[in-house]
Amino acid sequence: FIAEGEKVIRRARHAGYEMRSMLLSAKWVDVMRDVIDEVPAPVYAVAPELAERVTGYHVHRGALASMQRKPLPTSDELLTTARRVVVMESVNDHTNI
């Protein structure tokens, strides 16, 4: 998944998600230095215009990180601790729930 912005990237790292790579506007390198130094993932520092061209939108938070998803729990693992289970099919808009 993509984490956008300093706060979200830091929270994802704190929650144990592994970073695959990071794309930063050059001015964010110093702000994110501690994260850069602690992960082995490649970091790409670019001009804001290039970040916008690469992503296809205005990167207003200055930092994007590709994070590795954690494995999904099995149905047995979910049902062991669940108090309620809801199964919904063909939900196109979560705001209708």
PDB file of N, CA and C in Angstrom:
ATOM      1  N   PHE A   1       0.845  -1.173   0.000  1.00  0.00           N
ATOM      2  CA  PHE A   1       0.000   0.000   0.000  1.00  0.00           C
ATOM      3  C   PHE A   1       0.890   1.236   0.000  1.00  0.00           C
ATOM      4  N   ILE A   2       0.298   2.377  -0.320  1.00  0.00           N
ATOM      5  CA  ILE A   2       1.045   3.629  -0.360  1.00  0.00           C
ATOM      6  C   ILE A   2       0.687   4.459   0.874  1.00  0.00           C
ATOM      7  N   ALA A   3       1.716   4.845   1.608  1.00  0.00           N
ATOM      8  CA  ALA A   3       1.550   5.743   2.752  1.00  0.00           C
ATOM      9  C   ALA A   3       1.949   7.135   2.283  1.00  0.00           C
ATOM     10  N   GLU A   4       1.067   8.116   2.491  1.00  0.00           N
ATOM     11  CA  GLU A   4       1.345   9.476   2.031  1.00  0.00           C
ATOM     12  C   GLU A   4       1.511  10.409   3.217  1.00  0.00           C
ATOM     13  N   GLY A   5       2.632  11.084   3.257  1.00  0.00           N
ATOM     14  CA  GLY A   5       2.890  12.081   4.284  1.00  0.00           C
ATOM     15  C   GLY A   5       3.724  11.535   5.430  1.00  0.00           C
ATOM     16  N   GLU A   6       4.415  12.445   6.081  1.00  0.00           N
ATOM     17  CA  GLU A   6       5.321  12.079   7.173  1.00  0.00           C
ATOM     18  C   GLU A   6       4.608  11.308   8.277  1.00  0.00           C
ATOM     19  N   LYS A   7       3.469  11.809   8.738  1.00  0.00           N
ATOM     20  CA  LYS A   7       2.766  11.184   9.857  1.00  0.00           C
ATOM     21  C   LYS A   7       2.325   9.759   9.518  1.00  0.00           C
ATOM     22  N   VAL A   8       1.767   9.567   8.336  1.00  0.00           N
ATOM     23  CA  VAL A   8       1.277   8.241   7.946  1.00  0.00           C
ATOM     24  C   VAL A   8       2.442   7.266   7.773  1.00  0.00           C
ATOM     25  N   ILE A   9       3.535   7.734   7.177  1.00  0.00           N
ATOM     26  CA  ILE A   9       4.712   6.877   7.008  1.00  0.00           C
ATOM     27  C   ILE A   9       5.254   6.456   8.367  1.00  0.00           C
ATOM     28  N   ARG A  10       5.373   7.397   9.273  1.00  0.00           N
ATOM     29  CA  ARG A  10       5.891   7.074  10.611  1.00  0.00           C
ATOM     30  C   ARG A  10       4.956   6.113  11.353  1.00  0.00           C
ATOM     31  N   ARG A  11       3.665   6.320  11.235  1.00  0.00           N
ATOM     32  CA  ARG A  11       2.704   5.428  11.901  1.00  0.00           C
ATOM     33  C   ARG A  11       2.764   4.019  11.312  1.00  0.00           C
ATOM     34  N   ALA A  12       2.899   3.935  10.005  1.00  0.00           N
ATOM     35  CA  ALA A  12       3.004   2.615   9.367  1.00  0.00           C
ATOM     36  C   ALA A  12       4.257   1.887   9.841  1.00  0.00           C
ATOM     37  N   ARG A  13       5.372   2.597   9.915  1.00  0.00           N
ATOM     38  CA  ARG A  13       6.619   1.985  10.412  1.00  0.00           C
ATOM     39  C   ARG A  13       6.452   1.551  11.867  1.00  0.00           C
ATOM     40  N   HIS A  14       5.851   2.401  12.680  1.00  0.00           N
ATOM     41  CA  HIS A  14       5.637   2.085  14.093  1.00  0.00           C
ATOM     42  C   HIS A  14       4.722   0.865  14.259  1.00  0.00           C
ATOM     43  N   ALA A  15       3.782   0.689  13.332  1.00  0.00           N
ATOM     44  CA  ALA A  15       2.857  -0.447  13.375  1.00  0.00           C
ATOM     45  C   ALA A  15       3.488  -1.722  12.825  1.00  0.00           C
ATOM     46  N   GLY A  16       4.745  -1.630  12.389  1.00  0.00           N
ATOM     47  CA  GLY A  16       5.456  -2.827  11.951  1.00  0.00           C
ATOM     48  C   GLY A  16       5.403  -3.127  10.469  1.00  0.00           C
ATOM     49  N   TYR A  17       4.923  -2.180   9.670  1.00  0.00           N
ATOM     50  CA  TYR A  17       4.906  -2.407   8.227  1.00  0.00           C
ATOM     51  C   TYR A  17       6.293  -2.166   7.648  1.00  0.00           C
ATOM     52  N   GLU A  18       6.705  -3.044   6.751  1.00  0.00           N
ATOM     53  CA  GLU A  18       8.016  -2.942   6.115  1.00  0.00           C
ATOM     54  C   GLU A  18       7.938  -1.995   4.920  1.00  0.00           C
ATOM     55  N   MET A  19       8.882  -1.085   4.833  1.00  0.00           N
ATOM     56  CA  MET A  19       8.913  -0.140   3.725  1.00  0.00           C
ATOM     57  C   MET A  19       9.624  -0.768   2.530  1.00  0.00           C
ATOM     58  N   ARG A  20       9.008  -0.647   1.341  1.00  0.00           N
ATOM     59  CA  ARG A  20       9.626  -1.165   0.119  1.00  0.00           C
ATOM     60  C   ARG A  20      10.432  -0.088  -0.592  1.00  0.00           C
ATOM     61  N   SER A  21       9.940   1.152  -0.583  1.00  0.00           N
ATOM     62  CA  SER A  21      10.667   2.280  -1.176  1.00  0.00           C
ATOM     63  C   SER A  21       9.981   3.569  -0.760  1.00  0.00           C
ATOM     64  N   MET A  22      10.696   4.682  -0.973  1.00  0.00           N
ATOM     65  CA  MET A  22      10.141   5.986  -0.613  1.00  0.00           C
ATOM     66  C   MET A  22      10.471   6.989  -1.713  1.00  0.00           C
ATOM     67  N   LEU A  23       9.497   7.841  -2.029  1.00  0.00           N
ATOM     68  CA  LEU A  23       9.658   8.930  -2.988  1.00  0.00           C
ATOM     69  C   LEU A  23       9.409  10.221  -2.225  1.00  0.00           C
ATOM     70  N   LEU A  24      10.413  11.093  -2.213  1.00  0.00           N
ATOM     71  CA  LEU A  24      10.337  12.337  -1.448  1.00  0.00           C
ATOM     72  C   LEU A  24      10.594  13.541  -2.329  1.00  0.00           C
ATOM     73  N   SER A  25       9.890  14.622  -2.052  1.00  0.00           N
ATOM     74  CA  SER A  25      10.333  15.906  -2.578  1.00  0.00           C
ATOM     75  C   SER A  25      11.633  16.207  -1.845  1.00  0.00           C
ATOM     76  N   ALA A  26      12.610  16.754  -2.542  1.00  0.00           N
ATOM     77  CA  ALA A  26      13.955  16.943  -1.989  1.00  0.00           C
ATOM     78  C   ALA A  26      13.951  17.644  -0.631  1.00  0.00           C
ATOM     79  N   LYS A  27      13.037  18.581  -0.420  1.00  0.00           N
ATOM     80  CA  LYS A  27      13.031  19.326   0.849  1.00  0.00           C
ATOM     81  C   LYS A  27      12.623  18.464   2.042  1.00  0.00           C
ATOM     82  N   TRP A  28      12.092  17.265   1.821  1.00  0.00           N
ATOM     83  CA  TRP A  28      11.665  16.382   2.902  1.00  0.00           C
ATOM     84  C   TRP A  28      12.752  15.413   3.353  1.00  0.00           C
ATOM     85  N   VAL A  29      13.878  15.392   2.684  1.00  0.00           N
ATOM     86  CA  VAL A  29      14.941  14.443   3.036  1.00  0.00           C
ATOM     87  C   VAL A  29      15.402  14.644   4.475  1.00  0.00           C
ATOM     88  N   ASP A  30      15.662  15.876   4.879  1.00  0.00           N
ATOM     89  CA  ASP A  30      16.121  16.131   6.247  1.00  0.00           C
ATOM     90  C   ASP A  30      15.055  15.760   7.279  1.00  0.00           C
ATOM     91  N   VAL A  31      13.805  16.053   6.972  1.00  0.00           N
ATOM     92  CA  VAL A  31      12.705  15.748   7.893  1.00  0.00           C
ATOM     93  C   VAL A  31      12.580  14.233   8.103  1.00  0.00           C
ATOM     94  N   MET A  32      12.788  13.471   7.044  1.00  0.00           N
ATOM     95  CA  MET A  32      12.621  12.019   7.098  1.00  0.00           C
ATOM     96  C   MET A  32      13.945  11.278   7.306  1.00  0.00           C
ATOM     97  N   ARG A  33      15.007  11.997   7.636  1.00  0.00           N
ATOM     98  CA  ARG A  33      16.343  11.405   7.749  1.00  0.00           C
ATOM     99  C   ARG A  33      16.379  10.194   8.675  1.00  0.00           C
ATOM    100  N   ASP A  34      15.726  10.267   9.834  1.00  0.00           N
ATOM    101  CA  ASP A  34      15.771   9.135  10.765  1.00  0.00           C
ATOM    102  C   ASP A  34      15.130   7.884  10.174  1.00  0.00           C
ATOM    103  N   VAL A  35      14.035   8.049   9.445  1.00  0.00           N
ATOM    104  CA  VAL A  35      13.376   6.915   8.796  1.00  0.00           C
ATOM    105  C   VAL A  35      14.267   6.374   7.682  1.00  0.00           C
ATOM    106  N   ILE A  36      14.829   7.274   6.889  1.00  0.00           N
ATOM    107  CA  ILE A  36      15.719   6.870   5.796  1.00  0.00           C
ATOM    108  C   ILE A  36      16.875   6.038   6.338  1.00  0.00           C
ATOM    109  N   ASP A  37      17.450   6.475   7.454  1.00  0.00           N
ATOM    110  CA  ASP A  37      18.612   5.791   8.017  1.00  0.00           C
ATOM    111  C   ASP A  37      18.279   4.427   8.613  1.00  0.00           C
ATOM    112  N   GLU A  38      17.039   4.211   9.026  1.00  0.00           N
ATOM    113  CA  GLU A  38      16.708   2.951   9.701  1.00  0.00           C
ATOM    114  C   GLU A  38      16.166   1.866   8.777  1.00  0.00           C
ATOM    115  N   VAL A  39      15.847   2.198   7.536  1.00  0.00           N
ATOM    116  CA  VAL A  39      15.297   1.179   6.633  1.00  0.00           C
ATOM    117  C   VAL A  39      16.246   0.922   5.463  1.00  0.00           C
ATOM    118  N   PRO A  40      16.300  -0.326   4.993  1.00  0.00           N
ATOM    119  CA  PRO A  40      17.166  -0.638   3.859  1.00  0.00           C
ATOM    120  C   PRO A  40      16.526  -0.326   2.500  1.00  0.00           C
ATOM    121  N   ALA A  41      15.319   0.192   2.498  1.00  0.00           N
ATOM    122  CA  ALA A  41      14.593   0.453   1.255  1.00  0.00           C
ATOM    123  C   ALA A  41      15.223   1.602   0.476  1.00  0.00           C
ATOM    124  N   PRO A  42      15.131   1.552  -0.853  1.00  0.00           N
ATOM    125  CA  PRO A  42      15.640   2.672  -1.646  1.00  0.00           C
ATOM    126  C   PRO A  42      14.795   3.925  -1.438  1.00  0.00           C
ATOM    127  N   VAL A  43      15.464   5.072  -1.462  1.00  0.00           N
ATOM    128  CA  VAL A  43      14.806   6.366  -1.288  1.00  0.00           C
ATOM    129  C   VAL A  43      15.131   7.219  -2.502  1.00  0.00           C
ATOM    130  N   TYR A  44      14.106   7.781  -3.104  1.00  0.00           N
ATOM    131  CA  TYR A  44      14.268   8.618  -4.286  1.00  0.00           C
ATOM    132  C   TYR A  44      13.862  10.042  -3.927  1.00  0.00           C
ATOM    133  N   ALA A  45      14.815  10.959  -3.938  1.00  0.00           N
ATOM    134  CA  ALA A  45      14.546  12.374  -3.661  1.00  0.00           C
ATOM    135  C   ALA A  45      14.492  13.099  -4.997  1.00  0.00           C
ATOM    136  N   VAL A  46      13.375  13.751  -5.259  1.00  0.00           N
ATOM    137  CA  VAL A  46      13.157  14.381  -6.560  1.00  0.00           C
ATOM    138  C   VAL A  46      12.559  15.774  -6.384  1.00  0.00           C
ATOM    139  N   ALA A  47      12.598  16.538  -7.454  1.00  0.00           N
ATOM    140  CA  ALA A  47      11.937  17.845  -7.468  1.00  0.00           C
ATOM    141  C   ALA A  47      10.423  17.622  -7.399  1.00  0.00           C
ATOM    142  N   PRO A  48       9.683  18.542  -6.780  1.00  0.00           N
ATOM    143  CA  PRO A  48       8.225  18.381  -6.674  1.00  0.00           C
ATOM    144  C   PRO A  48       7.545  18.158  -8.028  1.00  0.00           C
ATOM    145  N   GLU A  49       8.051  18.805  -9.060  1.00  0.00           N
ATOM    146  CA  GLU A  49       7.455  18.649 -10.395  1.00  0.00           C
ATOM    147  C   GLU A  49       7.600  17.212 -10.895  1.00  0.00           C
ATOM    148  N   LEU A  50       8.749  16.607 -10.641  1.00  0.00           N
ATOM    149  CA  LEU A  50       8.962  15.226 -11.070  1.00  0.00           C
ATOM    150  C   LEU A  50       8.090  14.273 -10.254  1.00  0.00           C
ATOM    151  N   ALA A  51       7.965  14.519  -8.968  1.00  0.00           N
ATOM    152  CA  ALA A  51       7.095  13.687  -8.131  1.00  0.00           C
ATOM    153  C   ALA A  51       5.665  13.716  -8.663  1.00  0.00           C
ATOM    154  N   GLU A  52       5.220  14.894  -9.069  1.00  0.00           N
ATOM    155  CA  GLU A  52       3.872  15.028  -9.620  1.00  0.00           C
ATOM    156  C   GLU A  52       3.741  14.277 -10.939  1.00  0.00           C
ATOM    157  N   ARG A  53       4.761  14.338 -11.774  1.00  0.00           N
ATOM    158  CA  ARG A  53       4.723  13.617 -13.057  1.00  0.00           C
ATOM    159  C   ARG A  53       4.742  12.106 -12.840  1.00  0.00           C
ATOM    160  N   VAL A  54       5.511  11.649 -11.876  1.00  0.00           N
ATOM    161  CA  VAL A  54       5.610  10.213 -11.607  1.00  0.00           C
ATOM    162  C   VAL A  54       4.305   9.672 -11.026  1.00  0.00           C
ATOM    163  N   THR A  55       3.720  10.392 -10.087  1.00  0.00           N
ATOM    164  CA  THR A  55       2.518   9.909  -9.406  1.00  0.00           C
ATOM    165  C   THR A  55       1.230  10.232 -10.148  1.00  0.00           C
ATOM    166  N   GLY A  56       1.250  11.255 -10.973  1.00  0.00           N
ATOM    167  CA  GLY A  56       0.049  11.649 -11.692  1.00  0.00           C
ATOM    168  C   GLY A  56      -0.826  12.624 -10.927  1.00  0.00           C
ATOM    169  N   TYR A  57      -0.372  13.052  -9.759  1.00  0.00           N
ATOM    170  CA  TYR A  57      -1.137  14.041  -8.995  1.00  0.00           C
ATOM    171  C   TYR A  57      -0.191  14.872  -8.144  1.00  0.00           C
ATOM    172  N   HIS A  58      -0.718  15.988  -7.632  1.00  0.00           N
ATOM    173  CA  HIS A  58       0.085  16.892  -6.811  1.00  0.00           C
ATOM    174  C   HIS A  58       0.389  16.216  -5.473  1.00  0.00           C
ATOM    175  N   VAL A  59       1.654  15.966  -5.209  1.00  0.00           N
ATOM    176  CA  VAL A  59       2.070  15.306  -3.966  1.00  0.00           C
ATOM    177  C   VAL A  59       2.197  16.384  -2.899  1.00  0.00           C
ATOM    178  N   HIS A  60       1.074  16.761  -2.322  1.00  0.00           N
ATOM    179  CA  HIS A  60       1.067  17.905  -1.415  1.00  0.00           C
ATOM    180  C   HIS A  60       1.677  17.606  -0.050  1.00  0.00           C
ATOM    181  N   ARG A  61       1.851  16.358   0.297  1.00  0.00           N
ATOM    182  CA  ARG A  61       2.466  16.030   1.585  1.00  0.00           C
ATOM    183  C   ARG A  61       3.964  15.782   1.446  1.00  0.00           C
ATOM    184  N   GLY A  62       4.474  15.769   0.241  1.00  0.00           N
ATOM    185  CA  GLY A  62       5.918  15.720   0.016  1.00  0.00           C
ATOM    186  C   GLY A  62       6.598  14.384   0.164  1.00  0.00           C
ATOM    187  N   ALA A  63       5.909  13.377   0.679  1.00  0.00           N
ATOM    188  CA  ALA A  63       6.541  12.076   0.894  1.00  0.00           C
ATOM    189  C   ALA A  63       5.544  10.952   0.635  1.00  0.00           C
ATOM    190  N   LEU A  64       5.992   9.968  -0.129  1.00  0.00           N
ATOM    191  CA  LEU A  64       5.203   8.764  -0.385  1.00  0.00           C
ATOM    192  C   LEU A  64       6.079   7.565  -0.077  1.00  0.00           C
ATOM    193  N   ALA A  65       5.504   6.542   0.509  1.00  0.00           N
ATOM    194  CA  ALA A  65       6.257   5.316   0.763  1.00  0.00           C
ATOM    195  C   ALA A  65       5.416   4.118   0.352  1.00  0.00           C
ATOM    196  N   SER A  66       6.053   3.205  -0.350  1.00  0.00           N
ATOM    197  CA  SER A  66       5.416   1.938  -0.681  1.00  0.00           C
ATOM    198  C   SER A  66       5.685   0.988   0.478  1.00  0.00           C
ATOM    199  N   MET A  67       4.618   0.520   1.100  1.00  0.00           N
ATOM    200  CA  MET A  67       4.735  -0.338   2.277  1.00  0.00           C
ATOM    201  C   MET A  67       4.244  -1.746   1.946  1.00  0.00           C
ATOM    202  N   GLN A  68       4.903  -2.736   2.525  1.00  0.00           N
ATOM    203  CA  GLN A  68       4.507  -4.132   2.335  1.00  0.00           C
ATOM    204  C   GLN A  68       3.323  -4.451   3.239  1.00  0.00           C
ATOM    205  N   ARG A  69       2.262  -4.990   2.655  1.00  0.00           N
ATOM    206  CA  ARG A  69       1.115  -5.393   3.478  1.00  0.00           C
ATOM    207  C   ARG A  69       1.495  -6.591   4.346  1.00  0.00           C
ATOM    208  N   LYS A  70       0.882  -6.673   5.505  1.00  0.00           N
ATOM    209  CA  LYS A  70       1.054  -7.849   6.357  1.00  0.00           C
ATOM    210  C   LYS A  70       0.144  -8.956   5.835  1.00  0.00           C
ATOM    211  N   PRO A  71       0.513 -10.202   6.076  1.00  0.00           N
ATOM    212  CA  PRO A  71      -0.349 -11.307   5.620  1.00  0.00           C
ATOM    213  C   PRO A  71      -1.733 -11.211   6.258  1.00  0.00           C
ATOM    214  N   LEU A  72      -2.756 -11.549   5.490  1.00  0.00           N
ATOM    215  CA  LEU A  72      -4.117 -11.544   6.015  1.00  0.00           C
ATOM    216  C   LEU A  72      -4.308 -12.742   6.934  1.00  0.00           C
ATOM    217  N   PRO A  73      -5.048 -12.560   8.017  1.00  0.00           N
ATOM    218  CA  PRO A  73      -5.308 -13.700   8.899  1.00  0.00           C
ATOM    219  C   PRO A  73      -6.224 -14.709   8.208  1.00  0.00           C
ATOM    220  N   THR A  74      -6.125 -15.952   8.613  1.00  0.00           N
ATOM    221  CA  THR A  74      -7.012 -16.977   8.064  1.00  0.00           C
ATOM    222  C   THR A  74      -8.402 -16.796   8.662  1.00  0.00           C
ATOM    223  N   SER A  75      -9.391 -17.424   8.054  1.00  0.00           N
ATOM    224  CA  SER A  75     -10.752 -17.332   8.595  1.00  0.00           C
ATOM    225  C   SER A  75     -10.809 -17.938   9.995  1.00  0.00           C
ATOM    226  N   ASP A  76     -10.063 -19.010  10.237  1.00  0.00           N
ATOM    227  CA  ASP A  76     -10.023 -19.596  11.587  1.00  0.00           C
ATOM    228  C   ASP A  76      -9.483 -18.596  12.604  1.00  0.00           C
ATOM    229  N   GLU A  77      -8.425 -17.884  12.240  1.00  0.00           N
ATOM    230  CA  GLU A  77      -7.843 -16.887  13.147  1.00  0.00           C
ATOM    231  C   GLU A  77      -8.830 -15.761  13.433  1.00  0.00           C
ATOM    232  N   LEU A  78      -9.552 -15.330  12.415  1.00  0.00           N
ATOM    233  CA  LEU A  78     -10.540 -14.262  12.602  1.00  0.00           C
ATOM    234  C   LEU A  78     -11.703 -14.711  13.478  1.00  0.00           C
ATOM    235  N   LEU A  79     -12.203 -15.901  13.215  1.00  0.00           N
ATOM    236  CA  LEU A  79     -13.393 -16.375  13.922  1.00  0.00           C
ATOM    237  C   LEU A  79     -13.112 -16.753  15.370  1.00  0.00           C
ATOM    238  N   THR A  80     -11.864 -17.039  15.697  1.00  0.00           N
ATOM    239  CA  THR A  80     -11.505 -17.415  17.063  1.00  0.00           C
ATOM    240  C   THR A  80     -11.794 -16.292  18.052  1.00  0.00           C
ATOM    241  N   THR A  81     -11.542 -15.063  17.648  1.00  0.00           N
ATOM    242  CA  THR A  81     -11.698 -13.928  18.565  1.00  0.00           C
ATOM    243  C   THR A  81     -12.879 -13.021  18.220  1.00  0.00           C
ATOM    244  N   ALA A  82     -13.585 -13.317  17.145  1.00  0.00           N
ATOM    245  CA  ALA A  82     -14.674 -12.439  16.704  1.00  0.00           C
ATOM    246  C   ALA A  82     -15.913 -12.595  17.582  1.00  0.00           C
ATOM    247  N   ARG A  83     -16.514 -11.469  17.924  1.00  0.00           N
ATOM    248  CA  ARG A  83     -17.798 -11.499  18.625  1.00  0.00           C
ATOM    249  C   ARG A  83     -18.948 -11.482  17.629  1.00  0.00           C
ATOM    250  N   ARG A  84     -18.727 -10.801  16.515  1.00  0.00           N
ATOM    251  CA  ARG A  84     -19.736 -10.731  15.458  1.00  0.00           C
ATOM    252  C   ARG A  84     -19.025 -10.857  14.116  1.00  0.00           C
ATOM    253  N   VAL A  85     -19.718 -11.445  13.171  1.00  0.00           N
ATOM    254  CA  VAL A  85     -19.170 -11.575  11.825  1.00  0.00           C
ATOM    255  C   VAL A  85     -20.238 -11.101  10.847  1.00  0.00           C
ATOM    256  N   VAL A  86     -19.847 -10.243   9.931  1.00  0.00           N
ATOM    257  CA  VAL A  86     -20.752  -9.759   8.897  1.00  0.00           C
ATOM    258  C   VAL A  86     -20.125 -10.095   7.550  1.00  0.00           C
ATOM    259  N   VAL A  87     -20.904 -10.724   6.693  1.00  0.00           N
ATOM    260  CA  VAL A  87     -20.442 -11.047   5.347  1.00  0.00           C
ATOM    261  C   VAL A  87     -21.306 -10.246   4.385  1.00  0.00           C
ATOM    262  N   MET A  88     -20.669  -9.423   3.565  1.00  0.00           N
ATOM    263  CA  MET A  88     -21.393  -8.592   2.606  1.00  0.00           C
ATOM    264  C   MET A  88     -20.833  -8.842   1.217  1.00  0.00           C
ATOM    265  N   GLU A  89     -21.716  -8.999   0.286  1.00  0.00           N
ATOM    266  CA  GLU A  89     -21.308  -9.294  -1.072  1.00  0.00           C
ATOM    267  C   GLU A  89     -21.620  -8.103  -1.979  1.00  0.00           C
ATOM    268  N   SER A  90     -20.746  -7.849  -2.908  1.00  0.00           N
ATOM    269  CA  SER A  90     -20.938  -6.815  -3.933  1.00  0.00           C
ATOM    270  C   SER A  90     -21.186  -5.431  -3.344  1.00  0.00           C
ATOM    271  N   VAL A  91     -20.423  -5.059  -2.335  1.00  0.00           N
ATOM    272  CA  VAL A  91     -20.528  -3.719  -1.768  1.00  0.00           C
ATOM    273  C   VAL A  91     -19.698  -2.782  -2.640  1.00  0.00           C
ATOM    274  N   ASN A  92     -20.363  -1.842  -3.284  1.00  0.00           N
ATOM    275  CA  ASN A  92     -19.673  -0.901  -4.162  1.00  0.00           C
ATOM    276  C   ASN A  92     -19.380   0.432  -3.491  1.00  0.00           C
ATOM    277  N   ASP A  93     -20.148   0.752  -2.483  1.00  0.00           N
ATOM    278  CA  ASP A  93     -19.973   2.034  -1.808  1.00  0.00           C
ATOM    279  C   ASP A  93     -20.178   1.818  -0.315  1.00  0.00           C
ATOM    280  N   HIS A  94     -19.091   1.855   0.443  1.00  0.00           N
ATOM    281  CA  HIS A  94     -19.169   1.577   1.877  1.00  0.00           C
ATOM    282  C   HIS A  94     -20.034   2.582   2.637  1.00  0.00           C
ATOM    283  N   THR A  95     -20.303   3.742   2.048  1.00  0.00           N
ATOM    284  CA  THR A  95     -21.129   4.734   2.743  1.00  0.00           C
ATOM    285  C   THR A  95     -22.604   4.329   2.766  1.00  0.00           C
ATOM    286  N   ASN A  96     -22.979   3.335   1.980  1.00  0.00           N
ATOM    287  CA  ASN A  96     -24.362   2.854   1.978  1.00  0.00           C
ATOM    288  C   ASN A  96     -24.630   1.848   3.095  1.00  0.00           C
ATOM    289  N   ILE A  97     -23.602   1.500   3.837  1.00  0.00           N
ATOM    290  CA  ILE A  97     -23.768   0.487   4.892  1.00  0.00           C
ATOM    291  C   ILE A  97     -24.161   1.166   6.186  1.00  0.00           C
TER     292      ILE A  97
END
